[in-house]
Amino acid sequence: MDEVLDANNRPVKELDRIDRNILNELQQDGRISNVELSKRVGLSPTPCLERVRRLERQGYIEGYTAILNPQFLDASLLVFVEITLNRGTPDVFDEFNDAVQKLEEIQECHLVSGDFDYLLKTRVADMSAYRKLLGETLLRLPGVNDTRTYVVMEEVKQSNRLVINTR
């Protein structure tokens, strides 16, 4: 197996139980103090902070963020959109990827296998705002041949947490 390197081309240390516990705790509460985190994982504060910084350097932790309530911020309509591209040119995927990167309304864009090419996730204020996004933006993206829209009626579960084995 090839050696895994971090962003600075240093070997990435395999995660031990304490590293995994740190990651689990930070997923649950990214604002936890280092002192509290160290208590929860059974370390003193200095080695705990050193581990957190190493996990950040190695790319296990990409950042910290606040989870905002879309209901309060005029983004209560959650919509998934299937995109099928016209494959007339070999660069169509790259052109679409570049264009979608510039759209703040698109929260996620995934190239998928199956009957369509991309699955987009967007949040907008209401159906009128979505119709505008679809007609004025999505249908005009490079290579778009067809779209299908799925409006979410109820969010049953939403999580960004990863399952981390702590054994």
N, C-alpha and C. Protein backbone atom coordinates (compact mmCIF):
# COMPACT_ATOMS: atom_id res chain seq x y z
N MET A 1 0.84 -1.18 0.00
CA MET A 1 0.00 0.00 0.00
C MET A 1 0.89 1.25 0.00
N ASP A 2 0.52 2.24 -0.82
CA ASP A 2 1.29 3.48 -0.90
C ASP A 2 1.14 4.29 0.37
N GLU A 3 2.20 5.00 0.72
CA GLU A 3 2.19 5.85 1.90
C GLU A 3 1.32 7.08 1.62
N VAL A 4 0.48 7.45 2.57
CA VAL A 4 -0.38 8.62 2.44
C VAL A 4 0.39 9.82 2.97
N LEU A 5 0.38 10.92 2.17
CA LEU A 5 1.11 12.12 2.54
C LEU A 5 0.14 13.26 2.80
N ASP A 6 0.52 14.17 3.71
CA ASP A 6 -0.31 15.35 3.98
C ASP A 6 0.02 16.44 2.96
N ALA A 7 -0.57 17.63 3.15
CA ALA A 7 -0.39 18.74 2.21
C ALA A 7 1.06 19.17 2.10
N ASN A 8 1.86 18.90 3.12
CA ASN A 8 3.29 19.26 3.11
C ASN A 8 4.18 18.08 2.75
N ASN A 9 3.58 17.03 2.16
CA ASN A 9 4.30 15.82 1.75
C ASN A 9 4.98 15.09 2.90
N ARG A 10 4.38 15.18 4.08
CA ARG A 10 4.86 14.41 5.23
C ARG A 10 3.95 13.19 5.40
N PRO A 11 4.50 12.08 5.84
CA PRO A 11 3.67 10.89 6.04
C PRO A 11 2.55 11.16 7.04
N VAL A 12 1.36 10.69 6.70
CA VAL A 12 0.21 10.84 7.59
C VAL A 12 0.22 9.69 8.58
N LYS A 13 0.20 10.03 9.86
CA LYS A 13 0.17 9.02 10.92
C LYS A 13 -1.21 8.37 10.94
N GLU A 14 -1.23 7.06 11.12
CA GLU A 14 -2.49 6.35 11.22
C GLU A 14 -3.24 6.82 12.47
N LEU A 15 -4.54 6.95 12.35
CA LEU A 15 -5.34 7.42 13.47
C LEU A 15 -5.43 6.37 14.57
N ASP A 16 -5.22 6.78 15.80
CA ASP A 16 -5.44 5.88 16.92
C ASP A 16 -6.80 6.20 17.55
N ARG A 17 -7.13 5.49 18.61
CA ARG A 17 -8.43 5.66 19.27
C ARG A 17 -8.64 7.09 19.74
N ILE A 18 -7.61 7.71 20.29
CA ILE A 18 -7.75 9.08 20.79
C ILE A 18 -8.01 10.06 19.64
N ASP A 19 -7.28 9.91 18.53
CA ASP A 19 -7.52 10.76 17.36
C ASP A 19 -8.97 10.63 16.90
N ARG A 20 -9.46 9.40 16.85
CA ARG A 20 -10.84 9.18 16.40
C ARG A 20 -11.84 9.79 17.38
N ASN A 21 -11.56 9.68 18.66
CA ASN A 21 -12.43 10.30 19.66
C ASN A 21 -12.43 11.82 19.51
N ILE A 22 -11.26 12.40 19.26
CA ILE A 22 -11.18 13.84 19.04
C ILE A 22 -12.04 14.24 17.84
N LEU A 23 -11.92 13.51 16.75
CA LEU A 23 -12.72 13.82 15.56
C LEU A 23 -14.21 13.70 15.85
N ASN A 24 -14.61 12.66 16.58
CA ASN A 24 -16.02 12.51 16.93
C ASN A 24 -16.51 13.68 17.77
N GLU A 25 -15.74 14.06 18.76
CA GLU A 25 -16.14 15.18 19.63
C GLU A 25 -16.24 16.48 18.84
N LEU A 26 -15.28 16.73 17.96
CA LEU A 26 -15.31 17.97 17.19
C LEU A 26 -16.44 17.98 16.17
N GLN A 27 -16.81 16.81 15.64
CA GLN A 27 -17.98 16.76 14.76
C GLN A 27 -19.24 17.15 15.51
N GLN A 28 -19.31 16.73 16.75
CA GLN A 28 -20.50 17.01 17.56
C GLN A 28 -20.53 18.47 18.00
N ASP A 29 -19.36 19.04 18.32
CA ASP A 29 -19.31 20.42 18.80
C ASP A 29 -17.97 21.03 18.39
N GLY A 30 -17.96 21.73 17.27
CA GLY A 30 -16.74 22.34 16.77
C GLY A 30 -16.28 23.53 17.60
N ARG A 31 -17.12 23.99 18.53
CA ARG A 31 -16.76 25.13 19.38
C ARG A 31 -16.30 24.69 20.77
N ILE A 32 -16.16 23.41 20.98
CA ILE A 32 -15.75 22.90 22.29
C ILE A 32 -14.37 23.47 22.63
N SER A 33 -14.17 23.84 23.87
CA SER A 33 -12.86 24.35 24.28
C SER A 33 -11.85 23.21 24.31
N ASN A 34 -10.60 23.54 24.14
CA ASN A 34 -9.56 22.53 24.18
C ASN A 34 -9.52 21.84 25.55
N VAL A 35 -9.76 22.60 26.61
CA VAL A 35 -9.76 22.01 27.96
C VAL A 35 -10.86 20.96 28.08
N GLU A 36 -12.07 21.30 27.62
CA GLU A 36 -13.18 20.34 27.70
C GLU A 36 -12.92 19.15 26.78
N LEU A 37 -12.42 19.41 25.58
CA LEU A 37 -12.10 18.32 24.65
C LEU A 37 -11.08 17.38 25.26
N SER A 38 -10.06 17.93 25.87
CA SER A 38 -9.02 17.09 26.47
C SER A 38 -9.59 16.20 27.57
N LYS A 39 -10.53 16.73 28.36
CA LYS A 39 -11.18 15.92 29.41
C LYS A 39 -11.95 14.76 28.79
N ARG A 40 -12.69 15.06 27.73
CA ARG A 40 -13.54 14.04 27.11
C ARG A 40 -12.74 12.91 26.46
N VAL A 41 -11.54 13.23 25.98
CA VAL A 41 -10.75 12.19 25.30
C VAL A 41 -9.64 11.62 26.17
N GLY A 42 -9.53 12.12 27.40
CA GLY A 42 -8.58 11.55 28.35
C GLY A 42 -7.14 11.99 28.16
N LEU A 43 -6.94 13.22 27.75
CA LEU A 43 -5.59 13.78 27.60
C LEU A 43 -5.48 15.07 28.41
N SER A 44 -4.27 15.52 28.63
CA SER A 44 -4.10 16.87 29.17
C SER A 44 -4.21 17.85 28.00
N PRO A 45 -4.47 19.13 28.27
CA PRO A 45 -4.75 20.09 27.20
C PRO A 45 -3.65 20.23 26.13
N THR A 46 -2.39 20.27 26.52
CA THR A 46 -1.33 20.50 25.53
C THR A 46 -1.23 19.38 24.50
N PRO A 47 -1.15 18.11 24.90
CA PRO A 47 -1.11 17.05 23.88
C PRO A 47 -2.40 16.98 23.06
N CYS A 48 -3.52 17.33 23.67
CA CYS A 48 -4.78 17.33 22.94
C CYS A 48 -4.73 18.37 21.82
N LEU A 49 -4.29 19.58 22.15
CA LEU A 49 -4.19 20.65 21.16
C LEU A 49 -3.20 20.28 20.06
N GLU A 50 -2.11 19.63 20.43
CA GLU A 50 -1.13 19.19 19.42
C GLU A 50 -1.76 18.20 18.46
N ARG A 51 -2.57 17.30 18.98
CA ARG A 51 -3.24 16.32 18.11
C ARG A 51 -4.24 17.02 17.18
N VAL A 52 -5.02 17.96 17.73
CA VAL A 52 -5.99 18.68 16.90
C VAL A 52 -5.26 19.40 15.77
N ARG A 53 -4.18 20.08 16.09
CA ARG A 53 -3.42 20.80 15.06
C ARG A 53 -2.83 19.84 14.02
N ARG A 54 -2.38 18.66 14.46
CA ARG A 54 -1.87 17.66 13.51
C ARG A 54 -2.99 17.18 12.60
N LEU A 55 -4.16 16.92 13.17
CA LEU A 55 -5.30 16.47 12.37
C LEU A 55 -5.71 17.54 11.36
N GLU A 56 -5.59 18.81 11.74
CA GLU A 56 -5.86 19.90 10.80
C GLU A 56 -4.82 19.92 9.69
N ARG A 57 -3.55 19.84 10.05
CA ARG A 57 -2.46 19.86 9.06
C ARG A 57 -2.59 18.71 8.07
N GLN A 58 -2.95 17.55 8.59
CA GLN A 58 -3.03 16.36 7.74
C GLN A 58 -4.30 16.33 6.89
N GLY A 59 -5.21 17.26 7.11
CA GLY A 59 -6.40 17.34 6.27
C GLY A 59 -7.59 16.58 6.79
N TYR A 60 -7.49 15.92 7.94
CA TYR A 60 -8.65 15.24 8.51
C TYR A 60 -9.72 16.26 8.89
N ILE A 61 -9.30 17.41 9.38
CA ILE A 61 -10.21 18.50 9.72
C ILE A 61 -10.01 19.58 8.67
N GLU A 62 -11.05 19.83 7.89
CA GLU A 62 -10.95 20.80 6.80
C GLU A 62 -11.33 22.20 7.24
N GLY A 63 -12.06 22.33 8.34
CA GLY A 63 -12.48 23.65 8.80
C GLY A 63 -13.55 23.52 9.86
N TYR A 64 -14.01 24.66 10.32
CA TYR A 64 -15.06 24.74 11.33
C TYR A 64 -16.11 25.70 10.80
N THR A 65 -17.38 25.41 11.08
CA THR A 65 -18.44 26.22 10.51
C THR A 65 -19.64 26.28 11.45
N ALA A 66 -20.48 27.27 11.24
CA ALA A 66 -21.74 27.37 11.97
C ALA A 66 -22.84 26.77 11.10
N ILE A 67 -23.79 26.11 11.72
CA ILE A 67 -24.94 25.56 11.01
C ILE A 67 -26.07 26.58 11.15
N LEU A 68 -26.49 27.14 10.03
CA LEU A 68 -27.49 28.20 10.03
C LEU A 68 -28.88 27.62 9.77
N ASN A 69 -29.89 28.28 10.29
CA ASN A 69 -31.27 27.86 10.10
C ASN A 69 -31.81 28.50 8.82
N PRO A 70 -32.04 27.71 7.77
CA PRO A 70 -32.50 28.28 6.50
C PRO A 70 -33.87 28.94 6.59
N GLN A 71 -34.70 28.51 7.54
CA GLN A 71 -36.03 29.11 7.71
C GLN A 71 -35.93 30.60 8.05
N PHE A 72 -34.89 30.97 8.79
CA PHE A 72 -34.72 32.35 9.22
C PHE A 72 -34.00 33.21 8.18
N LEU A 73 -33.46 32.58 7.15
CA LEU A 73 -32.59 33.29 6.22
C LEU A 73 -33.09 33.26 4.78
N ASP A 74 -34.40 33.17 4.62
CA ASP A 74 -35.02 33.25 3.30
C ASP A 74 -34.51 32.16 2.36
N ALA A 75 -34.34 30.96 2.91
CA ALA A 75 -33.86 29.83 2.10
C ALA A 75 -34.57 28.55 2.53
N SER A 76 -35.88 28.64 2.67
CA SER A 76 -36.62 27.51 3.26
C SER A 76 -36.99 26.42 2.26
N LEU A 77 -36.88 26.68 0.95
CA LEU A 77 -37.24 25.67 -0.03
C LEU A 77 -35.99 24.91 -0.46
N LEU A 78 -35.96 23.62 -0.15
CA LEU A 78 -34.85 22.74 -0.52
C LEU A 78 -35.23 21.99 -1.79
N VAL A 79 -34.34 22.06 -2.78
CA VAL A 79 -34.63 21.47 -4.09
C VAL A 79 -33.41 20.67 -4.56
N PHE A 80 -33.68 19.49 -5.10
CA PHE A 80 -32.66 18.69 -5.78
C PHE A 80 -32.97 18.73 -7.27
N VAL A 81 -31.93 18.83 -8.08
CA VAL A 81 -32.11 18.94 -9.52
C VAL A 81 -31.21 17.94 -10.22
N GLU A 82 -31.82 17.12 -11.07
CA GLU A 82 -31.05 16.24 -11.95
C GLU A 82 -30.69 17.04 -13.19
N ILE A 83 -29.45 16.93 -13.61
CA ILE A 83 -28.99 17.61 -14.82
C ILE A 83 -28.45 16.57 -15.79
N THR A 84 -28.94 16.61 -17.02
CA THR A 84 -28.40 15.78 -18.10
C THR A 84 -27.74 16.70 -19.10
N LEU A 85 -26.50 16.39 -19.44
CA LEU A 85 -25.75 17.23 -20.37
C LEU A 85 -25.86 16.72 -21.79
N ASN A 86 -25.75 17.65 -22.74
CA ASN A 86 -25.62 17.33 -24.14
C ASN A 86 -24.14 17.05 -24.37
N ARG A 87 -23.81 15.86 -24.73
CA ARG A 87 -22.40 15.47 -24.81
C ARG A 87 -21.81 15.71 -26.19
N GLY A 88 -22.20 16.81 -26.80
CA GLY A 88 -21.74 17.13 -28.15
C GLY A 88 -20.28 17.51 -28.22
N THR A 89 -19.73 18.02 -27.13
CA THR A 89 -18.31 18.38 -27.14
C THR A 89 -17.60 17.66 -26.00
N PRO A 90 -16.33 17.34 -26.19
CA PRO A 90 -15.60 16.61 -25.15
C PRO A 90 -15.37 17.43 -23.88
N ASP A 91 -15.46 18.76 -23.99
CA ASP A 91 -15.19 19.62 -22.84
C ASP A 91 -16.43 19.97 -22.03
N VAL A 92 -17.57 19.40 -22.39
CA VAL A 92 -18.83 19.82 -21.76
C VAL A 92 -18.82 19.63 -20.24
N PHE A 93 -18.22 18.56 -19.76
CA PHE A 93 -18.20 18.33 -18.31
C PHE A 93 -17.35 19.37 -17.60
N ASP A 94 -16.18 19.66 -18.15
CA ASP A 94 -15.31 20.68 -17.55
C ASP A 94 -15.98 22.05 -17.56
N GLU A 95 -16.63 22.39 -18.67
CA GLU A 95 -17.30 23.69 -18.78
C GLU A 95 -18.44 23.79 -17.76
N PHE A 96 -19.21 22.71 -17.62
CA PHE A 96 -20.30 22.71 -16.65
C PHE A 96 -19.74 22.84 -15.24
N ASN A 97 -18.71 22.06 -14.92
CA ASN A 97 -18.09 22.12 -13.59
C ASN A 97 -17.62 23.53 -13.26
N ASP A 98 -16.95 24.17 -14.19
CA ASP A 98 -16.45 25.53 -13.96
C ASP A 98 -17.59 26.50 -13.72
N ALA A 99 -18.65 26.39 -14.51
CA ALA A 99 -19.79 27.31 -14.38
C ALA A 99 -20.52 27.13 -13.06
N VAL A 100 -20.71 25.88 -12.65
CA VAL A 100 -21.47 25.61 -11.42
C VAL A 100 -20.71 26.09 -10.18
N GLN A 101 -19.38 26.07 -10.24
CA GLN A 101 -18.56 26.55 -9.12
C GLN A 101 -18.85 28.00 -8.78
N LYS A 102 -19.29 28.76 -9.76
CA LYS A 102 -19.52 30.20 -9.58
C LYS A 102 -20.91 30.52 -9.03
N LEU A 103 -21.77 29.53 -8.90
CA LEU A 103 -23.15 29.78 -8.47
C LEU A 103 -23.30 29.59 -6.97
N GLU A 104 -23.49 30.67 -6.25
CA GLU A 104 -23.65 30.59 -4.80
C GLU A 104 -24.92 29.84 -4.40
N GLU A 105 -25.93 29.86 -5.25
CA GLU A 105 -27.20 29.20 -4.91
C GLU A 105 -27.06 27.68 -4.84
N ILE A 106 -26.06 27.14 -5.52
CA ILE A 106 -25.86 25.69 -5.54
C ILE A 106 -25.01 25.30 -4.34
N GLN A 107 -25.61 24.53 -3.43
CA GLN A 107 -24.89 24.10 -2.23
C GLN A 107 -24.01 22.89 -2.51
N GLU A 108 -24.50 21.99 -3.34
CA GLU A 108 -23.75 20.78 -3.67
C GLU A 108 -23.98 20.45 -5.13
N CYS A 109 -22.95 19.88 -5.75
CA CYS A 109 -23.04 19.41 -7.13
C CYS A 109 -22.25 18.11 -7.21
N HIS A 110 -22.91 17.05 -7.65
CA HIS A 110 -22.27 15.73 -7.69
C HIS A 110 -22.41 15.13 -9.08
N LEU A 111 -21.30 14.70 -9.65
CA LEU A 111 -21.31 13.91 -10.88
C LEU A 111 -21.68 12.49 -10.46
N VAL A 112 -22.72 11.93 -11.08
CA VAL A 112 -23.24 10.64 -10.64
C VAL A 112 -23.31 9.66 -11.81
N SER A 113 -23.44 8.39 -11.47
CA SER A 113 -23.69 7.38 -12.49
C SER A 113 -25.20 7.21 -12.61
N GLY A 114 -25.64 6.68 -13.73
CA GLY A 114 -27.07 6.43 -13.89
C GLY A 114 -27.63 7.15 -15.11
N ASP A 115 -28.92 7.48 -15.04
CA ASP A 115 -29.64 8.03 -16.19
C ASP A 115 -29.44 9.52 -16.40
N PHE A 116 -28.76 10.19 -15.50
CA PHE A 116 -28.47 11.61 -15.66
C PHE A 116 -27.03 11.84 -15.21
N ASP A 117 -26.54 13.04 -15.38
CA ASP A 117 -25.11 13.29 -15.16
C ASP A 117 -24.79 13.91 -13.81
N TYR A 118 -25.57 14.88 -13.37
CA TYR A 118 -25.29 15.61 -12.13
C TYR A 118 -26.52 15.67 -11.25
N LEU A 119 -26.26 15.71 -9.95
CA LEU A 119 -27.32 15.96 -8.98
C LEU A 119 -26.91 17.22 -8.21
N LEU A 120 -27.78 18.23 -8.26
CA LEU A 120 -27.53 19.50 -7.58
C LEU A 120 -28.43 19.62 -6.37
N LYS A 121 -27.93 20.31 -5.36
CA LYS A 121 -28.73 20.65 -4.18
C LYS A 121 -28.72 22.16 -4.06
N THR A 122 -29.90 22.74 -3.91
CA THR A 122 -30.00 24.19 -3.76
C THR A 122 -31.07 24.53 -2.74
N ARG A 123 -30.91 25.68 -2.13
CA ARG A 123 -31.92 26.23 -1.21
C ARG A 123 -32.26 27.63 -1.70
N VAL A 124 -33.54 27.88 -1.80
CA VAL A 124 -34.03 29.20 -2.22
C VAL A 124 -35.20 29.60 -1.34
N ALA A 125 -35.67 30.83 -1.51
CA ALA A 125 -36.74 31.35 -0.66
C ALA A 125 -38.06 30.62 -0.89
N ASP A 126 -38.42 30.42 -2.15
CA ASP A 126 -39.73 29.87 -2.46
C ASP A 126 -39.73 29.35 -3.90
N MET A 127 -40.90 28.88 -4.35
CA MET A 127 -40.99 28.30 -5.69
C MET A 127 -40.73 29.35 -6.77
N SER A 128 -41.15 30.56 -6.54
CA SER A 128 -40.89 31.63 -7.51
C SER A 128 -39.38 31.85 -7.68
N ALA A 129 -38.66 31.85 -6.59
CA ALA A 129 -37.20 32.01 -6.65
C ALA A 129 -36.56 30.82 -7.36
N TYR A 130 -37.10 29.61 -7.15
CA TYR A 130 -36.54 28.45 -7.83
C TYR A 130 -36.81 28.53 -9.33
N ARG A 131 -38.03 28.91 -9.70
CA ARG A 131 -38.35 29.03 -11.12
C ARG A 131 -37.40 30.01 -11.81
N LYS A 132 -37.08 31.10 -11.12
CA LYS A 132 -36.14 32.08 -11.66
C LYS A 132 -34.74 31.47 -11.80
N LEU A 133 -34.29 30.77 -10.76
CA LEU A 133 -32.98 30.11 -10.81
C LEU A 133 -32.92 29.11 -11.96
N LEU A 134 -33.97 28.32 -12.11
CA LEU A 134 -34.01 27.31 -13.17
C LEU A 134 -33.97 27.97 -14.54
N GLY A 135 -34.90 28.91 -14.76
CA GLY A 135 -35.03 29.51 -16.09
C GLY A 135 -33.90 30.44 -16.48
N GLU A 136 -33.41 31.21 -15.53
CA GLU A 136 -32.40 32.22 -15.86
C GLU A 136 -30.97 31.73 -15.67
N THR A 137 -30.80 30.64 -14.93
CA THR A 137 -29.43 30.22 -14.62
C THR A 137 -29.16 28.77 -15.00
N LEU A 138 -29.87 27.84 -14.38
CA LEU A 138 -29.54 26.42 -14.57
C LEU A 138 -29.68 25.97 -16.02
N LEU A 139 -30.76 26.35 -16.67
CA LEU A 139 -30.97 25.92 -18.05
C LEU A 139 -29.98 26.57 -19.02
N ARG A 140 -29.30 27.61 -18.57
CA ARG A 140 -28.33 28.31 -19.42
C ARG A 140 -26.89 27.89 -19.13
N LEU A 141 -26.71 26.97 -18.22
CA LEU A 141 -25.35 26.48 -17.94
C LEU A 141 -24.83 25.71 -19.16
N PRO A 142 -23.52 25.71 -19.37
CA PRO A 142 -22.95 25.03 -20.54
C PRO A 142 -23.35 23.57 -20.62
N GLY A 143 -23.88 23.19 -21.78
CA GLY A 143 -24.15 21.79 -22.05
C GLY A 143 -25.43 21.22 -21.48
N VAL A 144 -26.23 22.00 -20.74
CA VAL A 144 -27.43 21.45 -20.13
C VAL A 144 -28.44 21.10 -21.22
N ASN A 145 -28.85 19.84 -21.22
CA ASN A 145 -29.81 19.34 -22.19
C ASN A 145 -31.18 19.14 -21.54
N ASP A 146 -31.19 18.70 -20.28
CA ASP A 146 -32.46 18.39 -19.62
C ASP A 146 -32.28 18.52 -18.11
N THR A 147 -33.37 18.84 -17.43
CA THR A 147 -33.37 18.90 -15.96
C THR A 147 -34.62 18.22 -15.43
N ARG A 148 -34.51 17.75 -14.23
CA ARG A 148 -35.67 17.26 -13.47
C ARG A 148 -35.55 17.83 -12.07
N THR A 149 -36.65 18.30 -11.55
CA THR A 149 -36.66 18.98 -10.26
C THR A 149 -37.40 18.15 -9.23
N TYR A 150 -36.82 18.08 -8.03
CA TYR A 150 -37.44 17.38 -6.90
C TYR A 150 -37.48 18.35 -5.73
N VAL A 151 -38.68 18.80 -5.39
CA VAL A 151 -38.85 19.72 -4.26
C VAL A 151 -39.04 18.89 -3.00
N VAL A 152 -38.28 19.20 -1.98
CA VAL A 152 -38.35 18.47 -0.72
C VAL A 152 -39.58 18.93 0.05
N MET A 153 -40.44 17.98 0.40
CA MET A 153 -41.64 18.30 1.17
C MET A 153 -41.36 18.31 2.66
N GLU A 154 -40.44 17.44 3.10
CA GLU A 154 -40.08 17.36 4.52
C GLU A 154 -38.66 16.83 4.64
N GLU A 155 -37.84 17.49 5.43
CA GLU A 155 -36.49 17.01 5.70
C GLU A 155 -36.56 16.05 6.87
N VAL A 156 -36.41 14.78 6.60
CA VAL A 156 -36.52 13.75 7.62
C VAL A 156 -35.22 13.64 8.42
N LYS A 157 -34.09 13.73 7.73
CA LYS A 157 -32.79 13.68 8.40
C LYS A 157 -31.79 14.49 7.59
N GLN A 158 -30.98 15.25 8.28
CA GLN A 158 -29.91 16.01 7.64
C GLN A 158 -28.72 15.98 8.57
N SER A 159 -27.59 15.53 8.06
CA SER A 159 -26.39 15.45 8.88
C SER A 159 -25.16 15.47 7.99
N ASN A 160 -24.11 16.09 8.46
CA ASN A 160 -22.82 16.05 7.78
C ASN A 160 -21.82 15.18 8.54
N ARG A 161 -22.28 14.56 9.61
CA ARG A 161 -21.39 13.76 10.45
C ARG A 161 -20.96 12.48 9.73
N LEU A 162 -19.69 12.14 9.89
CA LEU A 162 -19.17 10.88 9.38
C LEU A 162 -19.12 9.87 10.51
N VAL A 163 -19.35 8.62 10.18
CA VAL A 163 -19.23 7.56 11.17
C VAL A 163 -17.75 7.25 11.33
N ILE A 164 -17.27 7.36 12.56
CA ILE A 164 -15.86 7.11 12.85
C ILE A 164 -15.78 6.00 13.88
N ASN A 165 -15.15 4.91 13.51
CA ASN A 165 -14.97 3.79 14.44
C ASN A 165 -13.98 4.22 15.52
N THR A 166 -14.41 4.17 16.78
CA THR A 166 -13.55 4.63 17.88
C THR A 166 -12.89 3.48 18.62
N ARG A 167 -12.92 2.29 18.07
CA ARG A 167 -12.27 1.15 18.73
C ARG A 167 -10.81 1.12 18.50
